[in-house]
C-alpha atoms as a PDB file:
ATOM      1  CA  MET A   1     -33.006 162.787  -2.841  1.00  0.00           C
ATOM      2  CA  LEU A   2     -30.689 165.026  -0.794  1.00  0.00           C
ATOM      3  CA  LYS A   3     -31.670 163.025   2.299  1.00  0.00           C
ATOM      4  CA  LYS A   4     -30.156 159.949   0.695  1.00  0.00           C
ATOM      5  CA  TYR A   5     -26.696 161.558   0.448  1.00  0.00           C
ATOM      6  CA  TRP A   6     -26.788 163.424   3.772  1.00  0.00           C
ATOM      7  CA  PRO A   7     -24.577 160.889   5.692  1.00  0.00           C
ATOM      8  CA  VAL A   8     -21.973 160.957   2.918  1.00  0.00           C
ATOM      9  CA  LEU A   9     -21.994 164.757   2.921  1.00  0.00           C
ATOM     10  CA  ILE A  10     -21.516 164.855   6.715  1.00  0.00           C
ATOM     11  CA  ILE A  11     -18.548 162.466   6.513  1.00  0.00           C
ATOM     12  CA  ALA A  12     -16.980 164.438   3.656  1.00  0.00           C
ATOM     13  CA  LEU A  13     -17.326 167.713   5.588  1.00  0.00           C
ATOM     14  CA  PHE A  14     -15.819 166.111   8.695  1.00  0.00           C
ATOM     15  CA  LEU A  15     -12.824 164.777   6.751  1.00  0.00           C
ATOM     16  CA  ALA A  16     -12.286 168.124   5.055  1.00  0.00           C
ATOM     17  CA  GLY A  17     -12.427 169.896   8.413  1.00  0.00           C
ATOM     18  CA  ALA A  18      -9.955 167.440   9.925  1.00  0.00           C
ATOM     19  CA  GLY A  19      -7.569 168.054   7.043  1.00  0.00           C
ATOM     20  CA  VAL A  20      -7.800 171.822   7.483  1.00  0.00           C
ATOM     21  CA  TYR A  21      -7.242 171.458  11.237  1.00  0.00           C
ATOM     22  CA  LYS A  22      -4.149 169.272  10.758  1.00  0.00           C
ATOM     23  CA  ALA A  23      -2.745 171.683   8.178  1.00  0.00           C
ATOM     24  CA  SER A  24      -3.238 174.585  10.576  1.00  0.00           C
ATOM     25  CA  MET A  25      -1.431 172.673  13.340  1.00  0.00           C
ATOM     26  CA  THR A  26       1.665 172.183  11.185  1.00  0.00           C
ATOM     27  CA  GLU A  27       1.678 175.570   9.437  1.00  0.00           C
ATOM     28  CA  GLY A  28       5.031 177.258  10.019  1.00  0.00           C
ATOM     29  CA  ILE A  29       6.492 174.145  11.644  1.00  0.00           C
ATOM     30  CA  LYS A  30       9.032 172.071   9.719  1.00  0.00           C
ATOM     31  CA  GLN A  31       8.393 168.316   9.881  1.00  0.00           C
ATOM     32  CA  ILE A  32      11.273 165.811   9.817  1.00  0.00           C
ATOM     33  CA  ASP A  33      11.534 162.103  10.508  1.00  0.00           C
ATOM     34  CA  THR A  34      14.022 160.395  12.802  1.00  0.00           C
ATOM     35  CA  ALA A  35      16.469 159.646   9.967  1.00  0.00           C
ATOM     36  CA  GLN A  36      16.646 163.375   9.238  1.00  0.00           C
ATOM     37  CA  LEU A  37      17.084 164.020  12.969  1.00  0.00           C
ATOM     38  CA  ALA A  38      20.073 161.652  12.992  1.00  0.00           C
ATOM     39  CA  GLU A  39      21.614 163.693  10.181  1.00  0.00           C
ATOM     40  CA  LEU A  40      21.040 166.949  12.098  1.00  0.00           C
ATOM     41  CA  LEU A  41      22.679 165.469  15.188  1.00  0.00           C
ATOM     42  CA  GLU A  42      25.819 164.708  13.159  1.00  0.00           C
ATOM     43  CA  GLU A  43      26.054 168.239  11.741  1.00  0.00           C
ATOM     44  CA  ASP A  44      27.359 171.394  13.375  1.00  0.00           C
ATOM     45  CA  ARG A  45      24.832 172.043  16.139  1.00  0.00           C
ATOM     46  CA  GLU A  46      25.683 175.731  16.570  1.00  0.00           C
ATOM     47  CA  GLY A  47      22.347 177.009  15.246  1.00  0.00           C
ATOM     48  CA  LEU A  48      20.235 174.174  16.668  1.00  0.00           C
ATOM     49  CA  TYR A  49      18.631 173.536  20.055  1.00  0.00           C
ATOM     50  CA  PHE A  50      17.240 170.049  20.725  1.00  0.00           C
ATOM     51  CA  VAL A  51      14.299 169.615  23.114  1.00  0.00           C
ATOM     52  CA  ASP A  52      12.642 166.431  24.384  1.00  0.00           C
ATOM     53  CA  VAL A  53       9.170 167.260  25.728  1.00  0.00           C
ATOM     54  CA  ARG A  54       8.439 163.909  27.340  1.00  0.00           C
ATOM     55  CA  GLU A  55       7.934 163.777  31.096  1.00  0.00           C
ATOM     56  CA  VAL A  56      11.040 163.485  33.294  1.00  0.00           C
ATOM     57  CA  HIS A  57      10.549 159.765  34.023  1.00  0.00           C
ATOM     58  CA  GLU A  58      10.239 159.015  30.280  1.00  0.00           C
ATOM     59  CA  PHE A  59      13.351 161.074  29.517  1.00  0.00           C
ATOM     60  CA  GLU A  60      15.328 159.242  32.225  1.00  0.00           C
ATOM     61  CA  GLU A  61      14.287 155.852  30.811  1.00  0.00           C
ATOM     62  CA  GLY A  62      16.189 156.721  27.636  1.00  0.00           C
ATOM     63  CA  HIS A  63      16.848 159.834  25.584  1.00  0.00           C
ATOM     64  CA  ILE A  64      18.980 161.030  22.709  1.00  0.00           C
ATOM     65  CA  ASN A  65      22.311 162.504  23.725  1.00  0.00           C
ATOM     66  CA  GLY A  66      22.219 166.287  23.458  1.00  0.00           C
ATOM     67  CA  MET A  67      18.492 166.672  24.068  1.00  0.00           C
ATOM     68  CA  VAL A  68      17.322 169.040  26.793  1.00  0.00           C
ATOM     69  CA  ASN A  69      14.293 167.858  28.746  1.00  0.00           C
ATOM     70  CA  VAL A  70      11.499 170.440  28.942  1.00  0.00           C
ATOM     71  CA  PRO A  71       8.302 168.451  29.608  1.00  0.00           C
ATOM     72  CA  LEU A  72       5.230 169.586  27.709  1.00  0.00           C
ATOM     73  CA  SER A  73       3.350 169.742  31.010  1.00  0.00           C
ATOM     74  CA  SER A  74       5.629 172.587  32.172  1.00  0.00           C
ATOM     75  CA  LEU A  75       6.523 174.152  28.823  1.00  0.00           C
ATOM     76  CA  THR A  76       4.330 177.232  29.191  1.00  0.00           C
ATOM     77  CA  ASP A  77       6.164 178.059  32.431  1.00  0.00           C
ATOM     78  CA  ASN A  78       9.656 177.203  31.154  1.00  0.00           C
ATOM     79  CA  TYR A  79       9.862 178.015  27.452  1.00  0.00           C
ATOM     80  CA  ALA A  80      11.914 181.168  28.145  1.00  0.00           C
ATOM     81  CA  ALA A  81      14.895 178.854  28.797  1.00  0.00           C
ATOM     82  CA  ILE A  82      14.735 177.796  25.133  1.00  0.00           C
ATOM     83  CA  PRO A  83      16.716 180.187  22.920  1.00  0.00           C
ATOM     84  CA  GLU A  84      14.650 182.050  20.332  1.00  0.00           C
ATOM     85  CA  ASP A  85      17.636 182.685  18.063  1.00  0.00           C
ATOM     86  CA  LYS A  86      18.184 179.001  17.226  1.00  0.00           C
ATOM     87  CA  GLU A  87      16.222 176.409  15.303  1.00  0.00           C
ATOM     88  CA  VAL A  88      14.335 174.457  17.967  1.00  0.00           C
ATOM     89  CA  VAL A  89      14.079 170.738  17.154  1.00  0.00           C
ATOM     90  CA  ILE A  90      11.440 168.993  19.278  1.00  0.00           C
ATOM     91  CA  ILE A  91      10.865 165.288  19.942  1.00  0.00           C
ATOM     92  CA  CYS A  92       8.535 163.270  22.164  1.00  0.00           C
ATOM     93  CA  ARG A  93       7.412 159.644  22.249  1.00  0.00           C
ATOM     94  CA  SER A  94       5.346 159.621  19.051  1.00  0.00           C
ATOM     95  CA  GLY A  95       5.330 163.118  17.545  1.00  0.00           C
ATOM     96  CA  SER A  96       2.048 164.298  19.029  1.00  0.00           C
ATOM     97  CA  ARG A  97       3.267 166.134  22.131  1.00  0.00           C
ATOM     98  CA  SER A  98       6.179 167.597  20.198  1.00  0.00           C
ATOM     99  CA  LEU A  99       3.718 169.089  17.703  1.00  0.00           C
ATOM    100  CA  GLN A 100       1.714 170.555  20.600  1.00  0.00           C
ATOM    101  CA  ALA A 101       4.948 171.987  22.022  1.00  0.00           C
ATOM    102  CA  ALA A 102       5.892 173.401  18.622  1.00  0.00           C
ATOM    103  CA  ASN A 103       2.552 175.210  18.459  1.00  0.00           C
ATOM    104  CA  ILE A 104       3.041 176.621  21.960  1.00  0.00           C
ATOM    105  CA  LEU A 105       6.451 177.958  20.933  1.00  0.00           C
ATOM    106  CA  LYS A 106       5.037 179.313  17.668  1.00  0.00           C
ATOM    107  CA  GLU A 107       2.369 181.201  19.627  1.00  0.00           C
ATOM    108  CA  ALA A 108       5.103 182.517  21.939  1.00  0.00           C
ATOM    109  CA  GLY A 109       6.943 184.029  18.975  1.00  0.00           C
ATOM    110  CA  TYR A 110       9.503 181.377  18.059  1.00  0.00           C
ATOM    111  CA  SER A 111      10.004 181.386  14.326  1.00  0.00           C
ATOM    112  CA  THR A 112      12.206 178.400  13.468  1.00  0.00           C
ATOM    113  CA  ILE A 113      10.666 175.243  14.878  1.00  0.00           C
ATOM    114  CA  THR A 114      11.084 171.635  13.752  1.00  0.00           C
ATOM    115  CA  ASN A 115       8.915 168.719  14.854  1.00  0.00           C
ATOM    116  CA  VAL A 116      10.256 165.158  14.753  1.00  0.00           C
ATOM    117  CA  THR A 117       7.456 162.947  13.446  1.00  0.00           C
ATOM    118  CA  GLY A 118       7.376 159.427  14.809  1.00  0.00           C
ATOM    119  CA  GLY A 119       9.296 160.490  17.914  1.00  0.00           C
ATOM    120  CA  MET A 120      11.282 158.120  20.076  1.00  0.00           C
ATOM    121  CA  GLN A 121       9.112 155.222  18.910  1.00  0.00           C
ATOM    122  CA  GLN A 122      10.757 155.529  15.492  1.00  0.00           C
ATOM    123  CA  TRP A 123      14.272 156.403  16.735  1.00  0.00           C
ATOM    124  CA  SER A 124      16.746 153.614  15.985  1.00  0.00           C
ATOM    125  CA  GLY A 125      19.907 155.354  17.175  1.00  0.00           C
ATOM    126  CA  GLU A 126      21.654 155.262  20.518  1.00  0.00           C
ATOM    127  CA  VAL A 127      19.943 156.396  23.698  1.00  0.00           C
ATOM    128  CA  VAL A 128      21.367 157.560  27.005  1.00  0.00           C
ATOM    129  CA  ARG A 129      19.932 155.908  30.101  1.00  0.00           C
END
């Protein structure tokens, strides 16, 4: 009888594991959407540092004013240029690379990190070209 439910059990374990993995990837990292990012950009930016982790050519095609380009591909070599004493707000094209970058910074000791879910694909505000 257990053989009959084995495929269902495997799928359930896989889904549970995927949920645990995703939760571990976002633990300690604040998640905001692009509407919340727009609000942050209008506030006093004194305690905030905005980073776009897309590659240089993507950044040059269009980026949000005030973002600093630190491509994910070179982040491990260049993260020291990002201040540790500010909240680091990270964006990319879709939210995937920015989450990877957030985890790199978390591992490097940064404590206040915000990931923009949806990334530039969801951004409806102005861009600098």
